[in-house]
Amino acid sequence: MGSAVSGQTAPTGYSLLQIILHWAIAALVLVQLLLNEPMQEAFDDRLDGEVSDAMVGAVVHVVVGLAVLGLAVVRVAVRLTRGAPPAHEDKPAIINWIGFATHSLLYLFIFAMPITGAVAWFGGVELSAILHEVGRLILVPLIGMHVLGALAEHFVFHNDGLIRMFRPR
């Protein structure tokens, strides 16, 4: 995603709203990962025409997934209107490219996961459920890469890449 809105200089940090959206989405995604089993059980029961004991967990999973989607829309709108700080130039170009690719994929996933989940749950589309599950298997290591990248910014490259996600500017 671009660093600045066309015609504007890139901000030096993230706004309070951007930081809140980042951490809120991160926390909700973690909740989703924890509620994976109840959702799978309830979905399988639903496809079999049975009432599931895991329905409460499944409903929470659906509601949280829709919240992630709503917050993702707001997050992208804020990023498009305000921009984001550019990557630090103190790293090799390949590292910045990996960071850009990781961020781009994370943005894709915060939209694709709720959409495939909703299509699976509300439409009973098994292919969408399979795509959703494959997405989860990709998303988990992607989150790990993101966390490792943030830690590398701080401890290896000694820049404010991690700090600026805690301190608004």
N, C-alpha and C. Protein backbone atom coordinates (compact mmCIF):
# COMPACT_ATOMS: atom_id res chain seq x y z
N MET A 1 0.85 -1.16 0.00
CA MET A 1 0.00 0.00 0.00
C MET A 1 0.90 1.23 0.00
N GLY A 2 0.49 2.27 -0.70
CA GLY A 2 1.31 3.45 -0.84
C GLY A 2 1.56 4.16 0.48
N SER A 3 2.64 4.94 0.48
CA SER A 3 3.05 5.63 1.69
C SER A 3 2.28 6.92 1.92
N ALA A 4 1.92 7.59 0.85
CA ALA A 4 1.28 8.89 1.02
C ALA A 4 0.20 9.05 -0.04
N VAL A 5 -0.76 9.87 0.28
CA VAL A 5 -1.80 10.22 -0.65
C VAL A 5 -1.18 11.07 -1.74
N SER A 6 -1.63 10.90 -2.96
CA SER A 6 -1.08 11.63 -4.09
C SER A 6 -1.06 13.13 -3.81
N GLY A 7 0.10 13.74 -4.01
CA GLY A 7 0.25 15.17 -3.81
C GLY A 7 0.59 15.57 -2.39
N GLN A 8 0.62 14.63 -1.45
CA GLN A 8 0.96 14.93 -0.07
C GLN A 8 2.27 14.25 0.30
N THR A 9 2.96 14.84 1.25
CA THR A 9 4.15 14.16 1.75
C THR A 9 3.71 13.08 2.73
N ALA A 10 4.50 12.03 2.80
CA ALA A 10 4.16 10.92 3.69
C ALA A 10 4.27 11.37 5.15
N PRO A 11 3.36 10.93 5.99
CA PRO A 11 3.47 11.26 7.40
C PRO A 11 4.69 10.57 8.01
N THR A 12 5.18 11.11 9.11
CA THR A 12 6.35 10.51 9.77
C THR A 12 5.95 9.39 10.72
N GLY A 13 4.68 9.25 11.00
CA GLY A 13 4.21 8.20 11.89
C GLY A 13 2.75 7.92 11.63
N TYR A 14 2.17 7.07 12.45
CA TYR A 14 0.78 6.70 12.32
C TYR A 14 -0.07 7.55 13.26
N SER A 15 -1.32 7.80 12.86
CA SER A 15 -2.25 8.53 13.71
C SER A 15 -2.74 7.60 14.82
N LEU A 16 -3.34 8.19 15.84
CA LEU A 16 -3.92 7.39 16.92
C LEU A 16 -4.96 6.42 16.37
N LEU A 17 -5.78 6.90 15.44
CA LEU A 17 -6.80 6.03 14.85
C LEU A 17 -6.17 4.85 14.12
N GLN A 18 -5.10 5.09 13.37
CA GLN A 18 -4.42 3.99 12.67
C GLN A 18 -3.86 2.97 13.66
N ILE A 19 -3.30 3.46 14.74
CA ILE A 19 -2.73 2.56 15.75
C ILE A 19 -3.83 1.75 16.42
N ILE A 20 -4.93 2.39 16.77
CA ILE A 20 -6.05 1.68 17.40
C ILE A 20 -6.61 0.62 16.45
N LEU A 21 -6.77 0.98 15.18
CA LEU A 21 -7.29 0.01 14.20
C LEU A 21 -6.34 -1.17 14.04
N HIS A 22 -5.04 -0.89 13.99
CA HIS A 22 -4.04 -1.97 13.85
C HIS A 22 -4.17 -2.97 14.99
N TRP A 23 -4.15 -2.46 16.23
CA TRP A 23 -4.17 -3.35 17.39
C TRP A 23 -5.53 -4.00 17.60
N ALA A 24 -6.61 -3.30 17.27
CA ALA A 24 -7.94 -3.90 17.39
C ALA A 24 -8.10 -5.07 16.42
N ILE A 25 -7.67 -4.86 15.18
CA ILE A 25 -7.76 -5.94 14.20
C ILE A 25 -6.85 -7.09 14.60
N ALA A 26 -5.64 -6.78 15.07
CA ALA A 26 -4.72 -7.84 15.51
C ALA A 26 -5.34 -8.67 16.63
N ALA A 27 -5.94 -8.00 17.61
CA ALA A 27 -6.56 -8.72 18.74
C ALA A 27 -7.73 -9.57 18.25
N LEU A 28 -8.55 -9.02 17.37
CA LEU A 28 -9.70 -9.78 16.87
C LEU A 28 -9.27 -10.98 16.03
N VAL A 29 -8.19 -10.83 15.26
CA VAL A 29 -7.68 -11.96 14.48
C VAL A 29 -7.20 -13.06 15.43
N LEU A 30 -6.55 -12.69 16.52
CA LEU A 30 -6.13 -13.69 17.50
C LEU A 30 -7.34 -14.42 18.10
N VAL A 31 -8.40 -13.68 18.39
CA VAL A 31 -9.63 -14.31 18.88
C VAL A 31 -10.14 -15.31 17.85
N GLN A 32 -10.11 -14.92 16.58
CA GLN A 32 -10.58 -15.81 15.53
C GLN A 32 -9.78 -17.12 15.48
N LEU A 33 -8.47 -16.97 15.63
CA LEU A 33 -7.62 -18.17 15.60
C LEU A 33 -7.94 -19.09 16.78
N LEU A 34 -8.27 -18.50 17.92
CA LEU A 34 -8.62 -19.30 19.10
C LEU A 34 -9.99 -19.97 18.96
N LEU A 35 -10.88 -19.35 18.20
CA LEU A 35 -12.23 -19.90 18.03
C LEU A 35 -12.36 -20.74 16.76
N ASN A 36 -11.25 -21.18 16.22
CA ASN A 36 -11.27 -21.94 14.99
C ASN A 36 -11.97 -23.30 15.16
N GLU A 37 -11.61 -24.02 16.20
CA GLU A 37 -12.20 -25.37 16.38
C GLU A 37 -13.71 -25.34 16.57
N PRO A 38 -14.25 -24.48 17.45
CA PRO A 38 -15.71 -24.46 17.58
C PRO A 38 -16.41 -24.13 16.26
N MET A 39 -15.80 -23.23 15.48
CA MET A 39 -16.42 -22.88 14.20
C MET A 39 -16.40 -24.07 13.25
N GLN A 40 -15.27 -24.77 13.18
CA GLN A 40 -15.20 -25.93 12.29
C GLN A 40 -16.23 -26.99 12.70
N GLU A 41 -16.34 -27.23 14.00
CA GLU A 41 -17.31 -28.21 14.49
C GLU A 41 -18.73 -27.80 14.14
N ALA A 42 -19.07 -26.54 14.40
CA ALA A 42 -20.42 -26.05 14.12
C ALA A 42 -20.72 -26.07 12.62
N PHE A 43 -19.74 -25.73 11.80
CA PHE A 43 -19.93 -25.74 10.35
C PHE A 43 -20.18 -27.16 9.85
N ASP A 44 -19.38 -28.10 10.32
CA ASP A 44 -19.57 -29.50 9.92
C ASP A 44 -20.94 -30.00 10.36
N ASP A 45 -21.31 -29.69 11.61
CA ASP A 45 -22.63 -30.10 12.11
C ASP A 45 -23.74 -29.48 11.26
N ARG A 46 -23.57 -28.23 10.90
CA ARG A 46 -24.58 -27.53 10.11
C ARG A 46 -24.73 -28.18 8.73
N LEU A 47 -23.60 -28.52 8.11
CA LEU A 47 -23.66 -29.19 6.80
C LEU A 47 -24.35 -30.55 6.90
N ASP A 48 -24.20 -31.21 8.06
CA ASP A 48 -24.83 -32.52 8.28
C ASP A 48 -26.28 -32.38 8.75
N GLY A 49 -26.77 -31.14 8.90
CA GLY A 49 -28.14 -30.91 9.33
C GLY A 49 -28.35 -31.11 10.81
N GLU A 50 -27.29 -31.07 11.58
CA GLU A 50 -27.37 -31.28 13.03
C GLU A 50 -27.24 -29.96 13.78
N VAL A 51 -27.78 -29.93 14.99
CA VAL A 51 -27.60 -28.80 15.89
C VAL A 51 -26.27 -29.00 16.61
N SER A 52 -25.47 -27.96 16.66
CA SER A 52 -24.12 -28.10 17.21
C SER A 52 -24.03 -27.62 18.64
N ASP A 53 -23.23 -28.32 19.43
CA ASP A 53 -22.91 -27.86 20.78
C ASP A 53 -21.96 -26.67 20.74
N ALA A 54 -21.32 -26.46 19.60
CA ALA A 54 -20.31 -25.39 19.46
C ALA A 54 -20.91 -24.11 18.86
N MET A 55 -22.23 -24.00 18.87
CA MET A 55 -22.88 -22.87 18.19
C MET A 55 -22.50 -21.52 18.79
N VAL A 56 -22.34 -21.43 20.10
CA VAL A 56 -21.98 -20.14 20.72
C VAL A 56 -20.63 -19.67 20.20
N GLY A 57 -19.65 -20.57 20.18
CA GLY A 57 -18.33 -20.22 19.66
C GLY A 57 -18.39 -19.83 18.20
N ALA A 58 -19.24 -20.52 17.44
CA ALA A 58 -19.39 -20.22 16.01
C ALA A 58 -19.99 -18.84 15.81
N VAL A 59 -21.01 -18.51 16.58
CA VAL A 59 -21.65 -17.19 16.44
C VAL A 59 -20.66 -16.08 16.81
N VAL A 60 -19.90 -16.29 17.87
CA VAL A 60 -18.88 -15.30 18.24
C VAL A 60 -17.87 -15.16 17.11
N HIS A 61 -17.46 -16.28 16.51
CA HIS A 61 -16.51 -16.26 15.40
C HIS A 61 -17.07 -15.44 14.23
N VAL A 62 -18.34 -15.64 13.90
CA VAL A 62 -18.98 -14.90 12.81
C VAL A 62 -19.02 -13.40 13.12
N VAL A 63 -19.45 -13.05 14.32
CA VAL A 63 -19.57 -11.64 14.70
C VAL A 63 -18.19 -10.96 14.68
N VAL A 64 -17.20 -11.64 15.24
CA VAL A 64 -15.85 -11.06 15.28
C VAL A 64 -15.30 -10.94 13.85
N GLY A 65 -15.56 -11.92 13.02
CA GLY A 65 -15.11 -11.86 11.62
C GLY A 65 -15.71 -10.68 10.88
N LEU A 66 -17.00 -10.44 11.09
CA LEU A 66 -17.64 -9.28 10.45
C LEU A 66 -17.10 -7.97 11.01
N ALA A 67 -16.75 -7.97 12.30
CA ALA A 67 -16.12 -6.77 12.89
C ALA A 67 -14.76 -6.52 12.26
N VAL A 68 -13.98 -7.58 12.03
CA VAL A 68 -12.68 -7.42 11.36
C VAL A 68 -12.89 -6.79 9.99
N LEU A 69 -13.87 -7.28 9.25
CA LEU A 69 -14.13 -6.74 7.92
C LEU A 69 -14.50 -5.26 7.99
N GLY A 70 -15.38 -4.90 8.91
CA GLY A 70 -15.76 -3.49 9.06
C GLY A 70 -14.59 -2.60 9.43
N LEU A 71 -13.78 -3.06 10.39
CA LEU A 71 -12.59 -2.29 10.78
C LEU A 71 -11.58 -2.21 9.65
N ALA A 72 -11.49 -3.26 8.85
CA ALA A 72 -10.56 -3.25 7.70
C ALA A 72 -10.96 -2.19 6.69
N VAL A 73 -12.25 -2.04 6.46
CA VAL A 73 -12.73 -1.00 5.54
C VAL A 73 -12.32 0.38 6.06
N VAL A 74 -12.54 0.61 7.35
CA VAL A 74 -12.16 1.89 7.95
C VAL A 74 -10.65 2.09 7.86
N ARG A 75 -9.91 1.03 8.14
CA ARG A 75 -8.44 1.12 8.13
C ARG A 75 -7.91 1.51 6.76
N VAL A 76 -8.43 0.88 5.72
CA VAL A 76 -7.98 1.21 4.37
C VAL A 76 -8.40 2.63 4.00
N ALA A 77 -9.61 3.03 4.38
CA ALA A 77 -10.05 4.40 4.08
C ALA A 77 -9.15 5.43 4.74
N VAL A 78 -8.78 5.19 6.00
CA VAL A 78 -7.89 6.11 6.71
C VAL A 78 -6.52 6.12 6.05
N ARG A 79 -6.04 4.96 5.68
CA ARG A 79 -4.71 4.89 5.04
C ARG A 79 -4.71 5.61 3.70
N LEU A 80 -5.79 5.47 2.95
CA LEU A 80 -5.87 6.14 1.65
C LEU A 80 -5.98 7.65 1.78
N THR A 81 -6.63 8.12 2.84
CA THR A 81 -6.78 9.57 3.00
C THR A 81 -5.60 10.21 3.73
N ARG A 82 -5.02 9.51 4.68
CA ARG A 82 -3.93 10.08 5.48
C ARG A 82 -2.55 9.66 5.00
N GLY A 83 -2.47 8.45 4.46
CA GLY A 83 -1.17 7.90 4.08
C GLY A 83 -0.54 7.17 5.25
N ALA A 84 0.67 6.70 5.04
CA ALA A 84 1.42 5.97 6.06
C ALA A 84 2.89 6.33 5.90
N PRO A 85 3.64 6.20 6.97
CA PRO A 85 5.06 6.52 6.86
C PRO A 85 5.77 5.57 5.88
N PRO A 86 6.76 6.08 5.18
CA PRO A 86 7.49 5.21 4.24
C PRO A 86 8.37 4.21 5.00
N ALA A 87 8.79 3.18 4.29
CA ALA A 87 9.72 2.21 4.87
C ALA A 87 11.04 2.91 5.16
N HIS A 88 11.70 2.47 6.19
CA HIS A 88 13.01 3.02 6.53
C HIS A 88 14.02 2.60 5.46
N GLU A 89 14.86 3.52 5.08
CA GLU A 89 15.86 3.23 4.04
C GLU A 89 17.15 2.67 4.62
N ASP A 90 17.18 2.35 5.90
CA ASP A 90 18.40 1.83 6.54
C ASP A 90 18.54 0.32 6.40
N LYS A 91 17.68 -0.28 5.59
CA LYS A 91 17.70 -1.74 5.41
C LYS A 91 17.98 -2.05 3.94
N PRO A 92 18.44 -3.26 3.67
CA PRO A 92 18.60 -3.67 2.26
C PRO A 92 17.25 -3.61 1.54
N ALA A 93 17.26 -3.32 0.27
CA ALA A 93 16.04 -3.18 -0.52
C ALA A 93 15.18 -4.44 -0.45
N ILE A 94 15.80 -5.60 -0.42
CA ILE A 94 15.04 -6.85 -0.37
C ILE A 94 14.23 -6.95 0.92
N ILE A 95 14.76 -6.44 2.01
CA ILE A 95 14.04 -6.45 3.29
C ILE A 95 12.81 -5.55 3.20
N ASN A 96 12.98 -4.37 2.60
CA ASN A 96 11.83 -3.48 2.43
C ASN A 96 10.79 -4.11 1.49
N TRP A 97 11.25 -4.83 0.48
CA TRP A 97 10.31 -5.49 -0.43
C TRP A 97 9.54 -6.58 0.31
N ILE A 98 10.22 -7.36 1.13
CA ILE A 98 9.56 -8.41 1.91
C ILE A 98 8.53 -7.78 2.86
N GLY A 99 8.89 -6.65 3.48
CA GLY A 99 7.95 -5.94 4.34
C GLY A 99 6.73 -5.46 3.59
N PHE A 100 6.95 -4.91 2.39
CA PHE A 100 5.84 -4.44 1.56
C PHE A 100 4.94 -5.62 1.17
N ALA A 101 5.56 -6.72 0.74
CA ALA A 101 4.78 -7.90 0.34
C ALA A 101 3.98 -8.46 1.52
N THR A 102 4.61 -8.52 2.69
CA THR A 102 3.93 -9.03 3.88
C THR A 102 2.74 -8.14 4.24
N HIS A 103 2.95 -6.82 4.24
CA HIS A 103 1.85 -5.90 4.55
C HIS A 103 0.72 -6.03 3.54
N SER A 104 1.08 -6.12 2.26
CA SER A 104 0.06 -6.25 1.22
C SER A 104 -0.77 -7.52 1.42
N LEU A 105 -0.09 -8.62 1.73
CA LEU A 105 -0.81 -9.87 1.97
C LEU A 105 -1.68 -9.78 3.22
N LEU A 106 -1.19 -9.14 4.27
CA LEU A 106 -2.01 -8.99 5.48
C LEU A 106 -3.26 -8.18 5.18
N TYR A 107 -3.13 -7.11 4.40
CA TYR A 107 -4.32 -6.34 4.01
C TYR A 107 -5.29 -7.21 3.21
N LEU A 108 -4.76 -8.01 2.29
CA LEU A 108 -5.60 -8.91 1.51
C LEU A 108 -6.35 -9.87 2.44
N PHE A 109 -5.63 -10.42 3.41
CA PHE A 109 -6.24 -11.40 4.30
C PHE A 109 -7.29 -10.81 5.23
N ILE A 110 -7.11 -9.55 5.67
CA ILE A 110 -8.13 -8.99 6.58
C ILE A 110 -9.44 -8.71 5.83
N PHE A 111 -9.41 -8.81 4.52
CA PHE A 111 -10.64 -8.76 3.73
C PHE A 111 -11.07 -10.16 3.31
N ALA A 112 -10.14 -10.95 2.80
CA ALA A 112 -10.48 -12.26 2.24
C ALA A 112 -10.99 -13.24 3.29
N MET A 113 -10.40 -13.22 4.47
CA MET A 113 -10.82 -14.18 5.49
C MET A 113 -12.27 -13.95 5.94
N PRO A 114 -12.66 -12.72 6.28
CA PRO A 114 -14.07 -12.53 6.66
C PRO A 114 -15.04 -12.81 5.50
N ILE A 115 -14.63 -12.48 4.28
CA ILE A 115 -15.52 -12.69 3.14
C ILE A 115 -15.70 -14.19 2.87
N THR A 116 -14.59 -14.94 2.83
CA THR A 116 -14.72 -16.39 2.58
C THR A 116 -15.45 -17.06 3.74
N GLY A 117 -15.21 -16.59 4.96
CA GLY A 117 -15.92 -17.16 6.11
C GLY A 117 -17.41 -16.89 6.05
N ALA A 118 -17.78 -15.67 5.69
CA ALA A 118 -19.20 -15.32 5.60
C ALA A 118 -19.89 -16.10 4.49
N VAL A 119 -19.24 -16.24 3.35
CA VAL A 119 -19.83 -17.01 2.25
C VAL A 119 -20.01 -18.47 2.68
N ALA A 120 -19.02 -19.00 3.39
CA ALA A 120 -19.13 -20.39 3.86
C ALA A 120 -20.27 -20.53 4.87
N TRP A 121 -20.32 -19.64 5.86
CA TRP A 121 -21.30 -19.77 6.93
C TRP A 121 -22.72 -19.47 6.47
N PHE A 122 -22.89 -18.31 5.84
CA PHE A 122 -24.25 -17.88 5.45
C PHE A 122 -24.73 -18.59 4.19
N GLY A 123 -23.79 -18.93 3.30
CA GLY A 123 -24.19 -19.58 2.05
C GLY A 123 -24.03 -21.09 2.07
N GLY A 124 -23.39 -21.62 3.11
CA GLY A 124 -23.16 -23.06 3.17
C GLY A 124 -22.26 -23.57 2.06
N VAL A 125 -21.37 -22.70 1.59
CA VAL A 125 -20.50 -23.04 0.46
C VAL A 125 -19.23 -23.71 1.00
N GLU A 126 -19.14 -25.00 0.77
CA GLU A 126 -18.02 -25.77 1.32
C GLU A 126 -16.68 -25.34 0.71
N LEU A 127 -16.66 -24.98 -0.58
CA LEU A 127 -15.42 -24.52 -1.22
C LEU A 127 -14.91 -23.26 -0.53
N SER A 128 -15.81 -22.37 -0.16
CA SER A 128 -15.41 -21.16 0.55
C SER A 128 -14.83 -21.49 1.92
N ALA A 129 -15.40 -22.51 2.58
CA ALA A 129 -14.86 -22.95 3.88
C ALA A 129 -13.46 -23.51 3.70
N ILE A 130 -13.24 -24.25 2.62
CA ILE A 130 -11.90 -24.80 2.35
C ILE A 130 -10.92 -23.66 2.10
N LEU A 131 -11.31 -22.68 1.30
CA LEU A 131 -10.44 -21.53 1.04
C LEU A 131 -10.15 -20.77 2.33
N HIS A 132 -11.15 -20.66 3.18
CA HIS A 132 -11.00 -19.99 4.47
C HIS A 132 -9.97 -20.73 5.33
N GLU A 133 -10.05 -22.05 5.35
CA GLU A 133 -9.12 -22.85 6.14
C GLU A 133 -7.70 -22.79 5.57
N VAL A 134 -7.57 -22.85 4.26
CA VAL A 134 -6.25 -22.71 3.63
C VAL A 134 -5.69 -21.31 3.94
N GLY A 135 -6.56 -20.32 3.91
CA GLY A 135 -6.14 -18.96 4.26
C GLY A 135 -5.60 -18.88 5.67
N ARG A 136 -6.24 -19.58 6.59
CA ARG A 136 -5.76 -19.60 7.98
C ARG A 136 -4.36 -20.20 8.06
N LEU A 137 -4.14 -21.25 7.31
CA LEU A 137 -2.83 -21.90 7.32
C LEU A 137 -1.73 -21.01 6.74
N ILE A 138 -2.11 -20.11 5.86
CA ILE A 138 -1.15 -19.14 5.30
C ILE A 138 -1.01 -17.94 6.24
N LEU A 139 -2.13 -17.52 6.81
CA LEU A 139 -2.15 -16.32 7.65
C LEU A 139 -1.28 -16.46 8.90
N VAL A 140 -1.30 -17.60 9.53
CA VAL A 140 -0.54 -17.78 10.78
C VAL A 140 0.96 -17.51 10.57
N PRO A 141 1.62 -18.15 9.59
CA PRO A 141 3.04 -17.81 9.40
C PRO A 141 3.26 -16.38 8.90
N LEU A 142 2.29 -15.85 8.17
CA LEU A 142 2.39 -14.47 7.70
C LEU A 142 2.40 -13.50 8.89
N ILE A 143 1.55 -13.76 9.88
CA ILE A 143 1.54 -12.96 11.10
C ILE A 143 2.90 -13.09 11.80
N GLY A 144 3.42 -14.30 11.85
CA GLY A 144 4.74 -14.52 12.44
C GLY A 144 5.82 -13.71 11.74
N MET A 145 5.77 -13.67 10.41
CA MET A 145 6.75 -12.86 9.66
C MET A 145 6.61 -11.39 10.01
N HIS A 146 5.38 -10.93 10.14
CA HIS A 146 5.12 -9.53 10.47
C HIS A 146 5.70 -9.18 11.84
N VAL A 147 5.47 -10.05 12.80
CA VAL A 147 6.00 -9.82 14.15
C VAL A 147 7.53 -9.84 14.13
N LEU A 148 8.11 -10.82 13.46
CA LEU A 148 9.58 -10.89 13.37
C LEU A 148 10.14 -9.65 12.67
N GLY A 149 9.46 -9.19 11.64
CA GLY A 149 9.90 -7.97 10.95
C GLY A 149 9.88 -6.76 11.87
N ALA A 150 8.82 -6.63 12.66
CA ALA A 150 8.74 -5.51 13.60
C ALA A 150 9.86 -5.58 14.63
N LEU A 151 10.12 -6.79 15.12
CA LEU A 151 11.21 -6.96 16.10
C LEU A 151 12.57 -6.67 15.46
N ALA A 152 12.75 -7.08 14.21
CA ALA A 152 14.01 -6.79 13.51
C ALA A 152 14.19 -5.29 13.32
N GLU A 153 13.10 -4.57 13.00
CA GLU A 153 13.19 -3.11 12.87
C GLU A 153 13.78 -2.52 14.15
N HIS A 154 13.30 -3.01 15.27
CA HIS A 154 13.70 -2.43 16.55
C HIS A 154 15.07 -2.91 17.01
N PHE A 155 15.30 -4.22 16.99
CA PHE A 155 16.51 -4.77 17.61
C PHE A 155 17.69 -4.95 16.65
N VAL A 156 17.43 -5.10 15.37
CA VAL A 156 18.51 -5.30 14.41
C VAL A 156 18.85 -4.00 13.70
N PHE A 157 17.83 -3.32 13.18
CA PHE A 157 18.07 -2.10 12.42
C PHE A 157 18.01 -0.83 13.27
N HIS A 158 17.57 -0.96 14.51
CA HIS A 158 17.56 0.14 15.49
C HIS A 158 16.86 1.39 14.96
N ASN A 159 15.69 1.18 14.34
CA ASN A 159 14.91 2.33 13.91
C ASN A 159 13.58 2.34 14.68
N ASP A 160 12.73 3.30 14.38
CA ASP A 160 11.49 3.45 15.14
C ASP A 160 10.30 2.72 14.51
N GLY A 161 10.57 1.75 13.64
CA GLY A 161 9.49 1.03 12.96
C GLY A 161 8.49 0.40 13.91
N LEU A 162 8.97 -0.17 14.98
CA LEU A 162 8.08 -0.78 15.97
C LEU A 162 7.45 0.28 16.87
N ILE A 163 8.24 1.21 17.31
CA ILE A 163 7.77 2.24 18.24
C ILE A 163 6.65 3.08 17.63
N ARG A 164 6.74 3.37 16.33
CA ARG A 164 5.71 4.23 15.74
C ARG A 164 4.35 3.56 15.67
N MET A 165 4.28 2.24 15.93
CA MET A 165 2.99 1.56 16.00
C MET A 165 2.41 1.63 17.42
N PHE A 166 3.12 2.26 18.33
CA PHE A 166 2.63 2.47 19.69
C PHE A 166 2.45 3.95 20.02
N ARG A 167 3.18 4.82 19.34
CA ARG A 167 3.21 6.24 19.65
C ARG A 167 2.69 7.05 18.45
N PRO A 168 1.51 7.65 18.57
CA PRO A 168 0.95 8.40 17.42
C PRO A 168 1.75 9.67 17.11
N ARG A 169 1.74 9.99 15.83
CA ARG A 169 2.34 11.25 15.35
C ARG A 169 1.42 11.90 14.36
